[in-house]
């Protein structure tokens, strides 16, 4: 069994400018899986930097309201929404609310710094 309390995980600034808590990464936990899991936060009025990953991402929005841009598409999102971002897609998120935007990110294959390209 694997167990971790998210309150004990430090938050850091990712390359795309989001504030991240890396909840699960197979290289850090010595567990064999293909994906990693993080909690992302964008402060009120903020946005992430346009970027792309070599793998895919799945976002699940926990709080706030935003607009997500994926290649030439844009979509308004809110708590409870789910967005899949395909590999190599240019993407970014704009927090349009007066509260922090919080969402879960599943990256497959698991996130590696060298797989993230800022635009």
PDB file of N, CA and C in Angstrom:
ATOM      1  N   UNK A   1       0.839  -1.183   0.000  1.00  0.00           N
ATOM      2  CA  UNK A   1       0.000   0.000   0.000  1.00  0.00           C
ATOM      3  C   UNK A   1       0.880   1.240   0.000  1.00  0.00           C
ATOM      4  N   UNK A   2       0.426   2.239  -0.722  1.00  0.00           N
ATOM      5  CA  UNK A   2       1.098   3.529  -0.769  1.00  0.00           C
ATOM      6  C   UNK A   2       0.196   4.557  -0.102  1.00  0.00           C
ATOM      7  N   UNK A   3       0.770   5.402   0.767  1.00  0.00           N
ATOM      8  CA  UNK A   3       0.001   6.462   1.432  1.00  0.00           C
ATOM      9  C   UNK A   3       0.900   7.667   1.622  1.00  0.00           C
ATOM     10  N   UNK A   4       0.330   8.848   1.370  1.00  0.00           N
ATOM     11  CA  UNK A   4       1.066  10.090   1.554  1.00  0.00           C
ATOM     12  C   UNK A   4       0.047  11.171   1.903  1.00  0.00           C
ATOM     13  N   UNK A   5       0.394  12.068   2.810  1.00  0.00           N
ATOM     14  CA  UNK A   5      -0.479  13.188   3.155  1.00  0.00           C
ATOM     15  C   UNK A   5      -0.059  14.405   2.344  1.00  0.00           C
ATOM     16  N   UNK A   6      -0.976  14.942   1.554  1.00  0.00           N
ATOM     17  CA  UNK A   6      -0.620  16.050   0.668  1.00  0.00           C
ATOM     18  C   UNK A   6      -0.235  17.309   1.440  1.00  0.00           C
ATOM     19  N   UNK A   7      -0.701  17.445   2.669  1.00  0.00           N
ATOM     20  CA  UNK A   7      -0.355  18.640   3.455  1.00  0.00           C
ATOM     21  C   UNK A   7       1.145  18.710   3.748  1.00  0.00           C
ATOM     22  N   UNK A   8       1.846  17.572   3.659  1.00  0.00           N
ATOM     23  CA  UNK A   8       3.278  17.523   3.930  1.00  0.00           C
ATOM     24  C   UNK A   8       4.144  17.661   2.674  1.00  0.00           C
ATOM     25  N   UNK A   9       3.505  17.868   1.528  1.00  0.00           N
ATOM     26  CA  UNK A   9       4.244  17.962   0.268  1.00  0.00           C
ATOM     27  C   UNK A   9       4.527  19.430  -0.033  1.00  0.00           C
ATOM     28  N   UNK A  10       5.769  19.796  -0.262  1.00  0.00           N
ATOM     29  CA  UNK A  10       6.084  21.213  -0.544  1.00  0.00           C
ATOM     30  C   UNK A  10       5.577  21.631  -1.922  1.00  0.00           C
ATOM     31  N   UNK A  11       5.218  22.886  -2.019  1.00  0.00           N
ATOM     32  CA  UNK A  11       4.775  23.462  -3.286  1.00  0.00           C
ATOM     33  C   UNK A  11       5.972  24.146  -3.939  1.00  0.00           C
ATOM     34  N   UNK A  12       6.096  24.040  -5.253  1.00  0.00           N
ATOM     35  CA  UNK A  12       7.200  24.657  -5.976  1.00  0.00           C
ATOM     36  C   UNK A  12       6.680  25.235  -7.289  1.00  0.00           C
ATOM     37  N   UNK A  13       7.445  26.119  -7.900  1.00  0.00           N
ATOM     38  CA  UNK A  13       7.045  26.753  -9.152  1.00  0.00           C
ATOM     39  C   UNK A  13       7.551  25.910 -10.320  1.00  0.00           C
ATOM     40  N   UNK A  14       6.620  25.456 -11.147  1.00  0.00           N
ATOM     41  CA  UNK A  14       6.966  24.648 -12.314  1.00  0.00           C
ATOM     42  C   UNK A  14       7.457  25.546 -13.443  1.00  0.00           C
ATOM     43  N   UNK A  15       8.018  24.942 -14.467  1.00  0.00           N
ATOM     44  CA  UNK A  15       8.518  25.693 -15.612  1.00  0.00           C
ATOM     45  C   UNK A  15       7.448  26.530 -16.279  1.00  0.00           C
ATOM     46  N   UNK A  16       6.194  26.078 -16.247  1.00  0.00           N
ATOM     47  CA  UNK A  16       5.111  26.838 -16.873  1.00  0.00           C
ATOM     48  C   UNK A  16       4.519  27.894 -15.941  1.00  0.00           C
ATOM     49  N   UNK A  17       5.119  28.066 -14.764  1.00  0.00           N
ATOM     50  CA  UNK A  17       4.687  29.102 -13.826  1.00  0.00           C
ATOM     51  C   UNK A  17       3.599  28.700 -12.853  1.00  0.00           C
ATOM     52  N   UNK A  18       3.049  27.506 -13.005  1.00  0.00           N
ATOM     53  CA  UNK A  18       2.048  27.054 -12.037  1.00  0.00           C
ATOM     54  C   UNK A  18       2.734  26.658 -10.731  1.00  0.00           C
ATOM     55  N   UNK A  19       1.990  26.718  -9.644  1.00  0.00           N
ATOM     56  CA  UNK A  19       2.482  26.253  -8.347  1.00  0.00           C
ATOM     57  C   UNK A  19       2.077  24.794  -8.229  1.00  0.00           C
ATOM     58  N   UNK A  20       3.047  23.924  -8.020  1.00  0.00           N
ATOM     59  CA  UNK A  20       2.789  22.483  -8.051  1.00  0.00           C
ATOM     60  C   UNK A  20       3.128  21.797  -6.743  1.00  0.00           C
ATOM     61  N   UNK A  21       2.334  20.793  -6.435  1.00  0.00           N
ATOM     62  CA  UNK A  21       2.662  19.801  -5.419  1.00  0.00           C
ATOM     63  C   UNK A  21       2.725  18.475  -6.154  1.00  0.00           C
ATOM     64  N   UNK A  22       3.890  17.878  -6.194  1.00  0.00           N
ATOM     65  CA  UNK A  22       4.018  16.585  -6.861  1.00  0.00           C
ATOM     66  C   UNK A  22       3.500  15.507  -5.905  1.00  0.00           C
ATOM     67  N   UNK A  23       2.267  15.111  -6.111  1.00  0.00           N
ATOM     68  CA  UNK A  23       1.614  14.159  -5.215  1.00  0.00           C
ATOM     69  C   UNK A  23       2.190  12.759  -5.367  1.00  0.00           C
ATOM     70  N   UNK A  24       2.480  12.389  -6.605  1.00  0.00           N
ATOM     71  CA  UNK A  24       2.985  11.037  -6.863  1.00  0.00           C
ATOM     72  C   UNK A  24       3.850  11.048  -8.116  1.00  0.00           C
ATOM     73  N   UNK A  25       5.048  10.524  -7.985  1.00  0.00           N
ATOM     74  CA  UNK A  25       5.939  10.335  -9.128  1.00  0.00           C
ATOM     75  C   UNK A  25       6.623   8.997  -8.934  1.00  0.00           C
ATOM     76  N   UNK A  26       6.539   8.089  -9.908  1.00  0.00           N
ATOM     77  CA  UNK A  26       7.067   6.740  -9.702  1.00  0.00           C
ATOM     78  C   UNK A  26       8.553   6.687  -9.375  1.00  0.00           C
ATOM     79  N   UNK A  27       9.334   7.657  -9.862  1.00  0.00           N
ATOM     80  CA  UNK A  27      10.770   7.645  -9.553  1.00  0.00           C
ATOM     81  C   UNK A  27      11.048   8.026  -8.104  1.00  0.00           C
ATOM     82  N   UNK A  28      10.167   8.839  -7.516  1.00  0.00           N
ATOM     83  CA  UNK A  28      10.341   9.238  -6.115  1.00  0.00           C
ATOM     84  C   UNK A  28       9.771   8.215  -5.138  1.00  0.00           C
ATOM     85  N   UNK A  29       8.833   7.430  -5.594  1.00  0.00           N
ATOM     86  CA  UNK A  29       8.135   6.495  -4.707  1.00  0.00           C
ATOM     87  C   UNK A  29       8.584   5.055  -4.904  1.00  0.00           C
ATOM     88  N   UNK A  30       9.446   4.815  -5.897  1.00  0.00           N
ATOM     89  CA  UNK A  30       9.910   3.465  -6.194  1.00  0.00           C
ATOM     90  C   UNK A  30       8.738   2.527  -6.470  1.00  0.00           C
ATOM     91  N   UNK A  31       7.788   3.035  -7.260  1.00  0.00           N
ATOM     92  CA  UNK A  31       6.614   2.268  -7.687  1.00  0.00           C
ATOM     93  C   UNK A  31       6.601   2.272  -9.208  1.00  0.00           C
ATOM     94  N   UNK A  32       6.375   1.130  -9.801  1.00  0.00           N
ATOM     95  CA  UNK A  32       6.425   1.016 -11.254  1.00  0.00           C
ATOM     96  C   UNK A  32       5.068   1.354 -11.875  1.00  0.00           C
ATOM     97  N   UNK A  33       4.943   2.589 -12.382  1.00  0.00           N
ATOM     98  CA  UNK A  33       3.765   3.018 -13.146  1.00  0.00           C
ATOM     99  C   UNK A  33       4.255   3.910 -14.278  1.00  0.00           C
ATOM    100  N   UNK A  34       3.374   4.180 -15.213  1.00  0.00           N
ATOM    101  CA  UNK A  34       3.751   5.018 -16.349  1.00  0.00           C
ATOM    102  C   UNK A  34       3.418   6.492 -16.140  1.00  0.00           C
ATOM    103  N   UNK A  35       2.657   6.850 -15.122  1.00  0.00           N
ATOM    104  CA  UNK A  35       2.154   8.212 -14.955  1.00  0.00           C
ATOM    105  C   UNK A  35       2.658   8.869 -13.677  1.00  0.00           C
ATOM    106  N   UNK A  36       2.509  10.193 -13.636  1.00  0.00           N
ATOM    107  CA  UNK A  36       2.740  10.957 -12.406  1.00  0.00           C
ATOM    108  C   UNK A  36       1.485  11.775 -12.123  1.00  0.00           C
ATOM    109  N   UNK A  37       1.378  12.252 -10.886  1.00  0.00           N
ATOM    110  CA  UNK A  37       0.188  12.959 -10.438  1.00  0.00           C
ATOM    111  C   UNK A  37       0.613  14.183  -9.642  1.00  0.00           C
ATOM    112  N   UNK A  38       0.030  15.351  -9.979  1.00  0.00           N
ATOM    113  CA  UNK A  38       0.370  16.578  -9.276  1.00  0.00           C
ATOM    114  C   UNK A  38      -0.893  17.396  -9.038  1.00  0.00           C
ATOM    115  N   UNK A  39      -0.815  18.261  -8.022  1.00  0.00           N
ATOM    116  CA  UNK A  39      -1.855  19.254  -7.791  1.00  0.00           C
ATOM    117  C   UNK A  39      -1.283  20.593  -8.225  1.00  0.00           C
ATOM    118  N   UNK A  40      -1.980  21.276  -9.130  1.00  0.00           N
ATOM    119  CA  UNK A  40      -1.527  22.569  -9.641  1.00  0.00           C
ATOM    120  C   UNK A  40      -2.411  23.680  -9.090  1.00  0.00           C
ATOM    121  N   UNK A  41      -1.782  24.844  -8.905  1.00  0.00           N
ATOM    122  CA  UNK A  41      -2.521  26.014  -8.429  1.00  0.00           C
ATOM    123  C   UNK A  41      -2.061  27.226  -9.221  1.00  0.00           C
ATOM    124  N   UNK A  42      -3.046  28.003  -9.682  1.00  0.00           N
ATOM    125  CA  UNK A  42      -2.768  29.277 -10.348  1.00  0.00           C
ATOM    126  C   UNK A  42      -3.507  30.345  -9.562  1.00  0.00           C
ATOM    127  N   UNK A  43      -2.784  31.309  -8.999  1.00  0.00           N
ATOM    128  CA  UNK A  43      -3.427  32.360  -8.208  1.00  0.00           C
ATOM    129  C   UNK A  43      -4.467  33.143  -9.022  1.00  0.00           C
ATOM    130  N   UNK A  44      -5.371  33.796  -8.309  1.00  0.00           N
ATOM    131  CA  UNK A  44      -6.414  34.615  -8.932  1.00  0.00           C
ATOM    132  C   UNK A  44      -5.794  35.574  -9.941  1.00  0.00           C
ATOM    133  N   UNK A  45      -6.361  35.592 -11.151  1.00  0.00           N
ATOM    134  CA  UNK A  45      -5.886  36.500 -12.192  1.00  0.00           C
ATOM    135  C   UNK A  45      -4.618  36.058 -12.903  1.00  0.00           C
ATOM    136  N   UNK A  46      -4.030  34.935 -12.512  1.00  0.00           N
ATOM    137  CA  UNK A  46      -2.782  34.468 -13.111  1.00  0.00           C
ATOM    138  C   UNK A  46      -3.005  33.523 -14.277  1.00  0.00           C
ATOM    139  N   UNK A  47      -1.906  33.098 -14.865  1.00  0.00           N
ATOM    140  CA  UNK A  47      -1.987  32.121 -15.951  1.00  0.00           C
ATOM    141  C   UNK A  47      -0.688  31.344 -16.051  1.00  0.00           C
ATOM    142  N   UNK A  48      -0.774  30.193 -16.669  1.00  0.00           N
ATOM    143  CA  UNK A  48       0.431  29.416 -16.931  1.00  0.00           C
ATOM    144  C   UNK A  48       1.068  29.903 -18.231  1.00  0.00           C
ATOM    145  N   UNK A  49       2.336  29.594 -18.402  1.00  0.00           N
ATOM    146  CA  UNK A  49       3.081  29.941 -19.601  1.00  0.00           C
ATOM    147  C   UNK A  49       2.741  28.924 -20.690  1.00  0.00           C
ATOM    148  N   UNK A  50       2.514  29.358 -21.927  1.00  0.00           N
ATOM    149  CA  UNK A  50       2.287  28.384 -22.993  1.00  0.00           C
ATOM    150  C   UNK A  50       3.448  27.383 -23.061  1.00  0.00           C
ATOM    151  N   UNK A  51       3.091  26.117 -23.141  1.00  0.00           N
ATOM    152  CA  UNK A  51       4.088  25.050 -23.142  1.00  0.00           C
ATOM    153  C   UNK A  51       3.492  23.803 -23.779  1.00  0.00           C
ATOM    154  N   UNK A  52       4.349  22.822 -23.975  1.00  0.00           N
ATOM    155  CA  UNK A  52       3.878  21.520 -24.448  1.00  0.00           C
ATOM    156  C   UNK A  52       4.715  20.434 -23.804  1.00  0.00           C
ATOM    157  N   UNK A  53       4.134  19.269 -23.747  1.00  0.00           N
ATOM    158  CA  UNK A  53       4.811  18.092 -23.210  1.00  0.00           C
ATOM    159  C   UNK A  53       4.875  17.023 -24.288  1.00  0.00           C
ATOM    160  N   UNK A  54       5.854  16.149 -24.180  1.00  0.00           N
ATOM    161  CA  UNK A  54       5.925  15.048 -25.142  1.00  0.00           C
ATOM    162  C   UNK A  54       4.867  13.996 -24.851  1.00  0.00           C
ATOM    163  N   UNK A  55       4.352  13.970 -23.618  1.00  0.00           N
ATOM    164  CA  UNK A  55       3.293  13.041 -23.249  1.00  0.00           C
ATOM    165  C   UNK A  55       1.955  13.751 -23.165  1.00  0.00           C
ATOM    166  N   UNK A  56       0.934  13.009 -22.738  1.00  0.00           N
ATOM    167  CA  UNK A  56      -0.400  13.589 -22.591  1.00  0.00           C
ATOM    168  C   UNK A  56      -0.629  13.997 -21.139  1.00  0.00           C
ATOM    169  N   UNK A  57      -1.608  14.891 -20.947  1.00  0.00           N
ATOM    170  CA  UNK A  57      -2.003  15.312 -19.606  1.00  0.00           C
ATOM    171  C   UNK A  57      -3.517  15.210 -19.482  1.00  0.00           C
ATOM    172  N   UNK A  58      -3.954  14.900 -18.294  1.00  0.00           N
ATOM    173  CA  UNK A  58      -5.373  14.882 -17.965  1.00  0.00           C
ATOM    174  C   UNK A  58      -5.545  15.812 -16.782  1.00  0.00           C
ATOM    175  N   UNK A  59      -6.384  16.849 -16.935  1.00  0.00           N
ATOM    176  CA  UNK A  59      -6.630  17.828 -15.878  1.00  0.00           C
ATOM    177  C   UNK A  59      -8.017  17.605 -15.297  1.00  0.00           C
ATOM    178  N   UNK A  60      -8.103  17.618 -13.960  1.00  0.00           N
ATOM    179  CA  UNK A  60      -9.391  17.572 -13.271  1.00  0.00           C
ATOM    180  C   UNK A  60      -9.452  18.798 -12.372  1.00  0.00           C
ATOM    181  N   UNK A  61     -10.408  19.681 -12.609  1.00  0.00           N
ATOM    182  CA  UNK A  61     -10.487  20.959 -11.919  1.00  0.00           C
ATOM    183  C   UNK A  61     -11.236  20.828 -10.597  1.00  0.00           C
ATOM    184  N   UNK A  62     -10.564  21.245  -9.518  1.00  0.00           N
ATOM    185  CA  UNK A  62     -11.106  21.126  -8.161  1.00  0.00           C
ATOM    186  C   UNK A  62     -11.788  22.397  -7.677  1.00  0.00           C
ATOM    187  N   UNK A  63     -11.310  23.564  -8.121  1.00  0.00           N
ATOM    188  CA  UNK A  63     -11.919  24.827  -7.696  1.00  0.00           C
ATOM    189  C   UNK A  63     -11.549  25.936  -8.662  1.00  0.00           C
ATOM    190  N   UNK A  64     -12.379  26.969  -8.688  1.00  0.00           N
ATOM    191  CA  UNK A  64     -12.125  28.134  -9.525  1.00  0.00           C
ATOM    192  C   UNK A  64     -12.765  28.019 -10.895  1.00  0.00           C
ATOM    193  N   UNK A  65     -12.494  29.018 -11.717  1.00  0.00           N
ATOM    194  CA  UNK A  65     -12.963  29.069 -13.098  1.00  0.00           C
ATOM    195  C   UNK A  65     -11.819  29.575 -13.960  1.00  0.00           C
ATOM    196  N   UNK A  66     -11.708  29.033 -15.159  1.00  0.00           N
ATOM    197  CA  UNK A  66     -10.595  29.398 -16.024  1.00  0.00           C
ATOM    198  C   UNK A  66     -10.959  29.162 -17.476  1.00  0.00           C
ATOM    199  N   UNK A  67     -10.039  29.566 -18.336  1.00  0.00           N
ATOM    200  CA  UNK A  67     -10.099  29.216 -19.749  1.00  0.00           C
ATOM    201  C   UNK A  67      -8.829  28.438 -20.045  1.00  0.00           C
ATOM    202  N   UNK A  68      -8.982  27.291 -20.694  1.00  0.00           N
ATOM    203  CA  UNK A  68      -7.819  26.500 -21.092  1.00  0.00           C
ATOM    204  C   UNK A  68      -7.691  26.581 -22.609  1.00  0.00           C
ATOM    205  N   UNK A  69      -6.457  26.765 -23.052  1.00  0.00           N
ATOM    206  CA  UNK A  69      -6.150  26.837 -24.468  1.00  0.00           C
ATOM    207  C   UNK A  69      -5.314  25.613 -24.821  1.00  0.00           C
ATOM    208  N   UNK A  70      -5.749  24.873 -25.837  1.00  0.00           N
ATOM    209  CA  UNK A  70      -5.023  23.695 -26.320  1.00  0.00           C
ATOM    210  C   UNK A  70      -4.960  23.813 -27.841  1.00  0.00           C
ATOM    211  N   UNK A  71      -3.740  24.045 -28.336  1.00  0.00           N
ATOM    212  CA  UNK A  71      -3.539  24.342 -29.758  1.00  0.00           C
ATOM    213  C   UNK A  71      -4.463  25.483 -30.159  1.00  0.00           C
ATOM    214  N   UNK A  72      -5.350  25.286 -31.127  1.00  0.00           N
ATOM    215  CA  UNK A  72      -6.228  26.362 -31.603  1.00  0.00           C
ATOM    216  C   UNK A  72      -7.592  26.362 -30.923  1.00  0.00           C
ATOM    217  N   UNK A  73      -7.775  25.543 -29.903  1.00  0.00           N
ATOM    218  CA  UNK A  73      -9.065  25.471 -29.215  1.00  0.00           C
ATOM    219  C   UNK A  73      -8.981  26.163 -27.854  1.00  0.00           C
ATOM    220  N   UNK A  74     -10.126  26.664 -27.394  1.00  0.00           N
ATOM    221  CA  UNK A  74     -10.218  27.206 -26.045  1.00  0.00           C
ATOM    222  C   UNK A  74     -11.535  26.741 -25.444  1.00  0.00           C
ATOM    223  N   UNK A  75     -11.521  26.557 -24.115  1.00  0.00           N
ATOM    224  CA  UNK A  75     -12.709  26.066 -23.432  1.00  0.00           C
ATOM    225  C   UNK A  75     -12.749  26.655 -22.032  1.00  0.00           C
ATOM    226  N   UNK A  76     -13.908  27.149 -21.613  1.00  0.00           N
ATOM    227  CA  UNK A  76     -14.097  27.579 -20.229  1.00  0.00           C
ATOM    228  C   UNK A  76     -14.248  26.334 -19.365  1.00  0.00           C
ATOM    229  N   UNK A  77     -13.596  26.353 -18.193  1.00  0.00           N
ATOM    230  CA  UNK A  77     -13.657  25.207 -17.290  1.00  0.00           C
ATOM    231  C   UNK A  77     -13.963  25.690 -15.877  1.00  0.00           C
ATOM    232  N   UNK A  78     -14.492  24.767 -15.088  1.00  0.00           N
ATOM    233  CA  UNK A  78     -14.853  25.058 -13.698  1.00  0.00           C
ATOM    234  C   UNK A  78     -14.717  23.772 -12.890  1.00  0.00           C
ATOM    235  N   UNK A  79     -14.976  23.881 -11.594  1.00  0.00           N
ATOM    236  CA  UNK A  79     -14.922  22.729 -10.696  1.00  0.00           C
ATOM    237  C   UNK A  79     -15.707  21.552 -11.281  1.00  0.00           C
ATOM    238  N   UNK A  80     -15.059  20.390 -11.293  1.00  0.00           N
ATOM    239  CA  UNK A  80     -15.696  19.165 -11.782  1.00  0.00           C
ATOM    240  C   UNK A  80     -15.432  18.856 -13.235  1.00  0.00           C
ATOM    241  N   UNK A  81     -14.832  19.799 -13.982  1.00  0.00           N
ATOM    242  CA  UNK A  81     -14.545  19.560 -15.395  1.00  0.00           C
ATOM    243  C   UNK A  81     -13.255  18.766 -15.557  1.00  0.00           C
ATOM    244  N   UNK A  82     -13.180  18.060 -16.666  1.00  0.00           N
ATOM    245  CA  UNK A  82     -12.044  17.216 -17.005  1.00  0.00           C
ATOM    246  C   UNK A  82     -11.600  17.576 -18.415  1.00  0.00           C
ATOM    247  N   UNK A  83     -10.286  17.766 -18.611  1.00  0.00           N
ATOM    248  CA  UNK A  83      -9.742  18.103 -19.929  1.00  0.00           C
ATOM    249  C   UNK A  83      -8.551  17.200 -20.205  1.00  0.00           C
ATOM    250  N   UNK A  84      -8.536  16.589 -21.377  1.00  0.00           N
ATOM    251  CA  UNK A  84      -7.384  15.794 -21.825  1.00  0.00           C
ATOM    252  C   UNK A  84      -6.592  16.630 -22.822  1.00  0.00           C
ATOM    253  N   UNK A  85      -5.282  16.707 -22.627  1.00  0.00           N
ATOM    254  CA  UNK A  85      -4.384  17.449 -23.505  1.00  0.00           C
ATOM    255  C   UNK A  85      -3.495  16.420 -24.208  1.00  0.00           C
ATOM    256  N   UNK A  86      -3.579  16.343 -25.543  1.00  0.00           N
ATOM    257  CA  UNK A  86      -2.785  15.340 -26.249  1.00  0.00           C
ATOM    258  C   UNK A  86      -1.289  15.664 -26.243  1.00  0.00           C
ATOM    259  N   UNK A  87      -0.456  14.672 -26.515  1.00  0.00           N
ATOM    260  CA  UNK A  87       0.984  14.905 -26.587  1.00  0.00           C
ATOM    261  C   UNK A  87       1.319  16.003 -27.602  1.00  0.00           C
ATOM    262  N   UNK A  88       2.322  16.809 -27.273  1.00  0.00           N
ATOM    263  CA  UNK A  88       2.875  17.854 -28.136  1.00  0.00           C
ATOM    264  C   UNK A  88       1.939  19.040 -28.371  1.00  0.00           C
ATOM    265  N   UNK A  89       0.783  19.086 -27.702  1.00  0.00           N
ATOM    266  CA  UNK A  89      -0.145  20.210 -27.878  1.00  0.00           C
ATOM    267  C   UNK A  89       0.353  21.426 -27.104  1.00  0.00           C
ATOM    268  N   UNK A  90       0.301  22.588 -27.736  1.00  0.00           N
ATOM    269  CA  UNK A  90       0.627  23.834 -27.027  1.00  0.00           C
ATOM    270  C   UNK A  90      -0.568  24.160 -26.144  1.00  0.00           C
ATOM    271  N   UNK A  91      -0.290  24.419 -24.866  1.00  0.00           N
ATOM    272  CA  UNK A  91      -1.374  24.605 -23.908  1.00  0.00           C
ATOM    273  C   UNK A  91      -1.018  25.650 -22.865  1.00  0.00           C
ATOM    274  N   UNK A  92      -2.059  26.280 -22.329  1.00  0.00           N
ATOM    275  CA  UNK A  92      -1.915  27.133 -21.157  1.00  0.00           C
ATOM    276  C   UNK A  92      -3.290  27.380 -20.563  1.00  0.00           C
ATOM    277  N   UNK A  93      -3.300  27.827 -19.313  1.00  0.00           N
ATOM    278  CA  UNK A  93      -4.536  28.025 -18.561  1.00  0.00           C
ATOM    279  C   UNK A  93      -4.541  29.449 -18.004  1.00  0.00           C
ATOM    280  N   UNK A  94      -5.676  30.136 -18.155  1.00  0.00           N
ATOM    281  CA  UNK A  94      -5.848  31.490 -17.638  1.00  0.00           C
ATOM    282  C   UNK A  94      -6.907  31.450 -16.549  1.00  0.00           C
ATOM    283  N   UNK A  95      -6.517  31.819 -15.333  1.00  0.00           N
ATOM    284  CA  UNK A  95      -7.455  31.865 -14.206  1.00  0.00           C
ATOM    285  C   UNK A  95      -8.240  33.172 -14.296  1.00  0.00           C
ATOM    286  N   UNK A  96      -9.540  33.073 -14.510  1.00  0.00           N
ATOM    287  CA  UNK A  96     -10.382  34.257 -14.658  1.00  0.00           C
ATOM    288  C   UNK A  96     -11.152  34.594 -13.388  1.00  0.00           C
ATOM    289  N   UNK A  97     -10.931  33.835 -12.344  1.00  0.00           N
ATOM    290  CA  UNK A  97     -11.695  34.026 -11.111  1.00  0.00           C
ATOM    291  C   UNK A  97     -10.922  34.893 -10.117  1.00  0.00           C
ATOM    292  N   UNK A  98     -11.610  35.285  -9.069  1.00  0.00           N
ATOM    293  CA  UNK A  98     -10.993  36.061  -7.988  1.00  0.00           C
ATOM    294  C   UNK A  98     -10.509  35.155  -6.859  1.00  0.00           C
ATOM    295  N   UNK A  99     -10.446  33.874  -7.147  1.00  0.00           N
ATOM    296  CA  UNK A  99      -9.921  32.879  -6.204  1.00  0.00           C
ATOM    297  C   UNK A  99      -8.902  32.018  -6.939  1.00  0.00           C
ATOM    298  N   UNK A 100      -8.081  31.308  -6.192  1.00  0.00           N
ATOM    299  CA  UNK A 100      -7.104  30.412  -6.803  1.00  0.00           C
ATOM    300  C   UNK A 100      -7.796  29.310  -7.600  1.00  0.00           C
ATOM    301  N   UNK A 101      -7.199  28.969  -8.713  1.00  0.00           N
ATOM    302  CA  UNK A 101      -7.627  27.829  -9.519  1.00  0.00           C
ATOM    303  C   UNK A 101      -6.804  26.633  -9.060  1.00  0.00           C
ATOM    304  N   UNK A 102      -7.447  25.526  -8.739  1.00  0.00           N
ATOM    305  CA  UNK A 102      -6.739  24.326  -8.294  1.00  0.00           C
ATOM    306  C   UNK A 102      -7.205  23.164  -9.166  1.00  0.00           C
ATOM    307  N   UNK A 103      -6.235  22.388  -9.670  1.00  0.00           N
ATOM    308  CA  UNK A 103      -6.582  21.235 -10.496  1.00  0.00           C
ATOM    309  C   UNK A 103      -5.542  20.143 -10.357  1.00  0.00           C
ATOM    310  N   UNK A 104      -5.981  18.937 -10.633  1.00  0.00           N
ATOM    311  CA  UNK A 104      -5.123  17.748 -10.595  1.00  0.00           C
ATOM    312  C   UNK A 104      -4.591  17.502 -12.006  1.00  0.00           C
ATOM    313  N   UNK A 105      -3.319  17.139 -12.109  1.00  0.00           N
ATOM    314  CA  UNK A 105      -2.681  16.834 -13.392  1.00  0.00           C
ATOM    315  C   UNK A 105      -2.154  15.401 -13.362  1.00  0.00           C
ATOM    316  N   UNK A 106      -2.609  14.609 -14.291  1.00  0.00           N
ATOM    317  CA  UNK A 106      -2.034  13.285 -14.503  1.00  0.00           C
ATOM    318  C   UNK A 106      -1.237  13.362 -15.794  1.00  0.00           C
ATOM    319  N   UNK A 107       0.050  13.036 -15.728  1.00  0.00           N
ATOM    320  CA  UNK A 107       0.938  13.106 -16.890  1.00  0.00           C
ATOM    321  C   UNK A 107       1.365  11.684 -17.241  1.00  0.00           C
ATOM    322  N   UNK A 108       1.192  11.340 -18.539  1.00  0.00           N
ATOM    323  CA  UNK A 108       1.540   9.990 -18.990  1.00  0.00           C
ATOM    324  C   UNK A 108       2.240  10.081 -20.344  1.00  0.00           C
ATOM    325  N   UNK A 109       3.480   9.612 -20.465  1.00  0.00           N
ATOM    326  CA  UNK A 109       4.282   9.031 -19.392  1.00  0.00           C
ATOM    327  C   UNK A 109       4.653  10.091 -18.360  1.00  0.00           C
ATOM    328  N   UNK A 110       5.104   9.629 -17.200  1.00  0.00           N
ATOM    329  CA  UNK A 110       5.340  10.517 -16.064  1.00  0.00           C
ATOM    330  C   UNK A 110       6.191  11.725 -16.440  1.00  0.00           C
ATOM    331  N   UNK A 111       5.922  12.837 -15.720  1.00  0.00           N
ATOM    332  CA  UNK A 111       6.561  14.112 -16.009  1.00  0.00           C
ATOM    333  C   UNK A 111       8.073  14.038 -15.830  1.00  0.00           C
ATOM    334  N   UNK A 112       8.766  14.607 -16.815  1.00  0.00           N
ATOM    335  CA  UNK A 112      10.216  14.805 -16.737  1.00  0.00           C
ATOM    336  C   UNK A 112      10.491  16.218 -17.254  1.00  0.00           C
ATOM    337  N   UNK A 113      11.378  16.927 -16.579  1.00  0.00           N
ATOM    338  CA  UNK A 113      11.697  18.306 -16.948  1.00  0.00           C
ATOM    339  C   UNK A 113      12.063  18.425 -18.414  1.00  0.00           C
ATOM    340  N   UNK A 114      12.851  17.494 -18.919  1.00  0.00           N
ATOM    341  CA  UNK A 114      13.308  17.572 -20.295  1.00  0.00           C
ATOM    342  C   UNK A 114      12.180  17.332 -21.319  1.00  0.00           C
ATOM    343  N   UNK A 115      11.029  16.848 -20.871  1.00  0.00           N
ATOM    344  CA  UNK A 115       9.890  16.624 -21.756  1.00  0.00           C
ATOM    345  C   UNK A 115       8.953  17.827 -21.841  1.00  0.00           C
ATOM    346  N   UNK A 116       9.259  18.899 -21.095  1.00  0.00           N
ATOM    347  CA  UNK A 116       8.434  20.106 -21.079  1.00  0.00           C
ATOM    348  C   UNK A 116       9.136  21.203 -21.868  1.00  0.00           C
ATOM    349  N   UNK A 117       8.463  21.722 -22.900  1.00  0.00           N
ATOM    350  CA  UNK A 117       9.024  22.749 -23.745  1.00  0.00           C
ATOM    351  C   UNK A 117       8.196  24.013 -23.616  1.00  0.00           C
ATOM    352  N   UNK A 118       8.828  25.116 -23.172  1.00  0.00           N
ATOM    353  CA  UNK A 118       8.129  26.387 -23.060  1.00  0.00           C
ATOM    354  C   UNK A 118       8.069  27.055 -24.424  1.00  0.00           C
ATOM    355  N   UNK A 119       6.951  27.661 -24.727  1.00  0.00           N
ATOM    356  CA  UNK A 119       6.737  28.314 -26.028  1.00  0.00           C
ATOM    357  C   UNK A 119       7.003  29.793 -25.944  1.00  0.00           C
TER     358      UNK A 119
END
